């Protein structure tokens, strides 16, 4: 035991702002879910952005969309999670590794639950679409990577929050574009998936830190008790 506390996966300066982002994102998820509950057609906003069809994009961009889509499928997502966890462990950030697994799992699980609750469909009754799980997963993974970068670079509150938000936006936009281009989701499904990740990841990161801090405190107490007994 070195007595040195493990670095927090959610830097304290970012907690307040990312907590506010989580609250606002959760509100967006709920509002869109209520508006489109039980719908099976694109809404006004969806039609304004693009009319989703299977032929929305042609080669070579279609291949790019398919590649991005694969990264959100079970096999592709598993590869990304393993790579991210390995990177976190190599950087000696075990809390971040836990967040990759717990955060991605909770985000995708929340999206799956919301799909059943909202009941919005696309291309048939069996294709639940809101929110986009692919977009939620990509955003969640980018969120963790950005938190790691914020810690490694020693960024402050404003710069760190901006980096996390920008990374989540880029990842969510890329995966969201692929989903809409392939006709798998409406644009508002993508927005809902993005906001689902932003709503789930900050509190999950806080819980990971909270749990790890309590465990570390117990280990320190046990070490101290053992040392006192040895000196008696």
Protein backbone atom coordinates (compact mmCIF):
# COMPACT_ATOMS: atom_id res chain seq x y z
CA UNK A 1 0.00 0.00 0.00
CA UNK A 2 1.40 3.37 -0.96
CA UNK A 3 -1.38 5.33 0.66
CA UNK A 4 -1.86 7.24 -2.58
CA UNK A 5 -5.54 7.45 -3.57
CA UNK A 6 -6.47 6.22 -7.04
CA UNK A 7 -7.28 9.04 -9.48
CA UNK A 8 -10.98 9.79 -9.75
CA UNK A 9 -12.51 8.76 -13.07
CA UNK A 10 -14.78 11.81 -12.86
CA UNK A 11 -12.55 14.79 -11.98
CA UNK A 12 -14.10 16.84 -9.15
CA UNK A 13 -14.02 20.12 -11.14
CA UNK A 14 -16.24 18.52 -13.81
CA UNK A 15 -18.84 16.95 -11.52
CA UNK A 16 -21.15 19.93 -11.19
CA UNK A 17 -21.32 20.80 -14.89
CA UNK A 18 -21.59 17.21 -16.10
CA UNK A 19 -24.23 16.59 -13.46
CA UNK A 20 -26.26 19.45 -14.92
CA UNK A 21 -25.72 18.03 -18.41
CA UNK A 22 -27.05 14.68 -17.18
CA UNK A 23 -30.21 16.27 -15.81
CA UNK A 24 -30.89 18.25 -18.99
CA UNK A 25 -30.18 15.22 -21.16
CA UNK A 26 -32.59 13.09 -19.13
CA UNK A 27 -35.29 15.71 -19.66
CA UNK A 28 -34.73 15.64 -23.42
CA UNK A 29 -34.96 11.84 -23.44
CA UNK A 30 -38.26 11.94 -21.56
CA UNK A 31 -39.78 14.73 -23.67
CA UNK A 32 -38.93 13.08 -27.00
CA UNK A 33 -40.09 9.72 -25.67
CA UNK A 34 -43.46 11.15 -24.68
CA UNK A 35 -43.88 12.96 -28.00
CA UNK A 36 -43.20 9.88 -30.13
CA UNK A 37 -44.52 7.09 -27.91
CA UNK A 38 -46.24 4.45 -30.02
CA UNK A 39 -45.45 6.21 -33.33
CA UNK A 40 -44.38 4.29 -36.43
CA UNK A 41 -43.63 7.18 -38.77
CA UNK A 42 -41.06 9.97 -38.87
CA UNK A 43 -42.11 13.12 -37.08
CA UNK A 44 -41.94 16.67 -38.37
CA UNK A 45 -38.38 17.14 -37.13
CA UNK A 46 -37.32 13.84 -38.69
CA UNK A 47 -38.78 14.80 -42.07
CA UNK A 48 -37.11 18.20 -41.86
CA UNK A 49 -33.69 16.58 -41.31
CA UNK A 50 -34.02 13.67 -43.75
CA UNK A 51 -36.58 11.10 -44.79
CA UNK A 52 -35.04 7.81 -43.52
CA UNK A 53 -34.85 5.09 -46.17
CA UNK A 54 -32.55 2.16 -46.81
CA UNK A 55 -31.04 4.07 -49.75
CA UNK A 56 -30.25 7.33 -47.98
CA UNK A 57 -26.54 6.97 -48.77
CA UNK A 58 -24.69 5.41 -51.68
CA UNK A 59 -21.23 3.83 -51.95
CA UNK A 60 -18.56 4.60 -50.90
CA UNK A 61 -20.17 6.38 -47.94
CA UNK A 62 -22.52 3.47 -47.45
CA UNK A 63 -19.50 1.30 -46.62
CA UNK A 64 -18.43 3.84 -44.03
CA UNK A 65 -21.91 3.77 -42.52
CA UNK A 66 -21.87 -0.03 -42.41
CA UNK A 67 -18.46 -0.04 -40.73
CA UNK A 68 -19.66 2.38 -38.05
CA UNK A 69 -22.84 0.37 -37.59
CA UNK A 70 -20.75 -2.79 -37.02
CA UNK A 71 -18.98 -1.09 -34.11
CA UNK A 72 -22.34 -0.85 -32.36
CA UNK A 73 -23.26 -4.49 -33.00
CA UNK A 74 -22.48 -7.08 -30.29
CA UNK A 75 -19.21 -8.31 -31.83
CA UNK A 76 -17.92 -4.86 -32.77
CA UNK A 77 -18.98 -3.37 -29.44
CA UNK A 78 -17.25 -6.19 -27.54
CA UNK A 79 -14.01 -5.53 -29.44
CA UNK A 80 -14.19 -1.83 -28.60
CA UNK A 81 -14.93 -2.50 -24.93
CA UNK A 82 -12.02 -4.95 -24.62
CA UNK A 83 -9.69 -2.48 -26.34
CA UNK A 84 -10.85 0.37 -24.09
CA UNK A 85 -10.52 -1.69 -20.91
CA UNK A 86 -7.05 -2.83 -21.95
CA UNK A 87 -6.01 0.76 -22.61
CA UNK A 88 -7.31 1.89 -19.22
CA UNK A 89 -5.41 -0.86 -17.41
CA UNK A 90 -2.21 -0.10 -19.31
CA UNK A 91 -2.59 3.53 -18.21
CA UNK A 92 -3.16 2.29 -14.64
CA UNK A 93 -6.68 3.68 -14.49
CA UNK A 94 -8.72 0.78 -13.09
CA UNK A 95 -11.68 3.02 -12.29
CA UNK A 96 -11.90 4.05 -15.92
CA UNK A 97 -11.83 0.37 -16.92
CA UNK A 98 -14.76 -0.28 -14.59
CA UNK A 99 -16.60 2.71 -16.03
CA UNK A 100 -16.15 1.41 -19.58
CA UNK A 101 -17.92 -1.82 -18.68
CA UNK A 102 -20.47 -0.45 -16.22
CA UNK A 103 -21.19 2.73 -18.17
CA UNK A 104 -21.59 1.06 -21.54
CA UNK A 105 -23.69 -1.70 -20.01
CA UNK A 106 -26.01 0.65 -18.14
CA UNK A 107 -26.33 3.00 -21.10
CA UNK A 108 -27.26 0.24 -23.55
CA UNK A 109 -29.50 -1.37 -20.94
CA UNK A 110 -31.30 1.92 -20.36
CA UNK A 111 -31.77 2.42 -24.10
CA UNK A 112 -33.17 -1.09 -24.45
CA UNK A 113 -35.60 -0.54 -21.58
CA UNK A 114 -36.73 2.78 -23.04
CA UNK A 115 -37.40 1.16 -26.40
CA UNK A 116 -39.90 -1.18 -24.77
CA UNK A 117 -41.49 1.63 -22.77
CA UNK A 118 -41.79 4.12 -25.63
CA UNK A 119 -42.79 1.60 -28.29
CA UNK A 120 -41.75 3.68 -31.29
CA UNK A 121 -41.06 1.58 -34.39
CA UNK A 122 -39.46 1.90 -37.81
CA UNK A 123 -39.96 -0.35 -40.85
CA UNK A 124 -42.36 -2.68 -39.06
CA UNK A 125 -43.86 -3.39 -35.66
CA UNK A 126 -40.92 -5.53 -34.53
CA UNK A 127 -38.29 -2.81 -35.00
CA UNK A 128 -38.26 -0.66 -31.87
CA UNK A 129 -36.30 2.49 -32.60
CA UNK A 130 -36.30 5.00 -29.73
CA UNK A 131 -33.69 5.66 -28.51
CA UNK A 132 -30.79 4.52 -30.68
CA UNK A 133 -28.70 2.02 -28.73
CA UNK A 134 -25.83 2.24 -31.21
CA UNK A 135 -25.61 6.01 -30.74
CA UNK A 136 -25.86 5.67 -26.97
CA UNK A 137 -23.03 3.11 -26.89
CA UNK A 138 -20.68 5.17 -29.06
CA UNK A 139 -21.34 8.27 -26.98
CA UNK A 140 -20.74 6.42 -23.72
CA UNK A 141 -17.40 5.06 -24.90
CA UNK A 142 -16.25 8.47 -26.13
CA UNK A 143 -17.28 9.93 -22.77
CA UNK A 144 -14.86 7.65 -20.92
CA UNK A 145 -12.02 8.30 -23.36
CA UNK A 146 -12.51 12.05 -22.96
CA UNK A 147 -12.49 11.75 -19.17
CA UNK A 148 -9.18 9.89 -19.39
CA UNK A 149 -7.74 12.57 -21.65
CA UNK A 150 -8.94 15.29 -19.28
CA UNK A 151 -7.15 13.59 -16.39
CA UNK A 152 -3.95 12.89 -18.30
CA UNK A 153 -3.73 16.45 -19.66
CA UNK A 154 -4.68 18.04 -16.36
CA UNK A 155 -7.42 20.13 -17.91
CA UNK A 156 -9.52 22.52 -15.86
CA UNK A 157 -13.27 22.73 -15.45
CA UNK A 158 -14.14 24.65 -18.61
CA UNK A 159 -11.66 23.00 -20.96
CA UNK A 160 -12.29 19.54 -19.54
CA UNK A 161 -16.06 19.86 -19.79
CA UNK A 162 -15.74 21.16 -23.34
CA UNK A 163 -13.52 18.23 -24.32
CA UNK A 164 -15.92 15.65 -22.86
CA UNK A 165 -18.91 17.28 -24.52
CA UNK A 166 -17.11 17.61 -27.88
CA UNK A 167 -15.94 13.99 -27.85
CA UNK A 168 -19.46 12.78 -27.03
CA UNK A 169 -20.87 14.99 -29.77
CA UNK A 170 -18.46 13.77 -32.44
CA UNK A 171 -18.92 10.09 -31.57
CA UNK A 172 -22.69 10.42 -31.29
CA UNK A 173 -22.93 12.39 -34.54
CA UNK A 174 -20.83 9.85 -36.44
CA UNK A 175 -22.78 6.83 -35.24
CA UNK A 176 -26.07 8.71 -35.51
CA UNK A 177 -25.35 9.62 -39.12
CA UNK A 178 -24.70 5.96 -39.89
CA UNK A 179 -27.96 4.87 -38.27
CA UNK A 180 -30.05 7.42 -40.16
CA UNK A 181 -28.19 6.82 -43.41
CA UNK A 182 -28.85 3.08 -43.18
CA UNK A 183 -32.49 3.68 -42.36
CA UNK A 184 -32.21 2.01 -38.96
CA UNK A 185 -33.34 5.04 -36.94
CA UNK A 186 -35.09 8.38 -37.21
CA UNK A 187 -32.99 11.48 -36.44
CA UNK A 188 -34.88 11.99 -33.16
CA UNK A 189 -33.99 8.40 -32.18
CA UNK A 190 -30.35 9.36 -32.58
CA UNK A 191 -30.80 12.47 -30.45
CA UNK A 192 -32.50 10.35 -27.80
CA UNK A 193 -29.65 7.84 -27.83
CA UNK A 194 -27.06 10.58 -27.48
CA UNK A 195 -28.90 12.14 -24.57
CA UNK A 196 -29.41 8.74 -22.95
CA UNK A 197 -25.64 8.31 -22.72
CA UNK A 198 -25.17 11.84 -21.39
CA UNK A 199 -27.84 11.17 -18.77
CA UNK A 200 -26.39 7.84 -17.63
CA UNK A 201 -22.62 8.30 -17.77
CA UNK A 202 -22.00 11.15 -15.25
CA UNK A 203 -23.91 9.52 -12.36
CA UNK A 204 -22.36 6.15 -13.20
CA UNK A 205 -18.87 7.68 -13.10
CA UNK A 206 -19.70 9.30 -9.75
CA UNK A 207 -20.89 5.95 -8.37
CA UNK A 208 -17.71 4.23 -9.55
CA UNK A 209 -15.62 6.84 -7.71
CA UNK A 210 -17.81 6.67 -4.62
CA UNK A 211 -17.61 2.89 -4.42
CA UNK A 212 -13.86 2.85 -5.05
CA UNK A 213 -13.25 5.55 -2.43
CA UNK A 214 -15.14 3.57 0.20
CA UNK A 215 -13.20 0.43 -0.66
CA UNK A 216 -9.89 2.31 -0.46
CA UNK A 217 -10.87 3.80 2.90
CA UNK A 218 -11.66 0.33 4.28
CA UNK A 219 -8.31 -0.98 3.05
CA UNK A 220 -6.48 1.93 4.70
CA UNK A 221 -8.34 1.32 7.97
CA UNK A 222 -7.48 -2.38 7.91
CA UNK A 223 -3.82 -1.61 7.22
CA UNK A 224 -3.76 0.89 10.08
CA UNK A 225 -5.41 -1.58 12.45
CA UNK A 226 -2.91 -4.27 11.48
CA UNK A 227 -0.04 -1.87 12.11
CA UNK A 228 -1.33 -0.95 15.55
CA UNK A 229 -1.68 -4.61 16.51
CA UNK A 230 1.90 -5.31 15.45
CA UNK A 231 3.20 -2.56 17.74
CA UNK A 232 1.37 -3.81 20.82
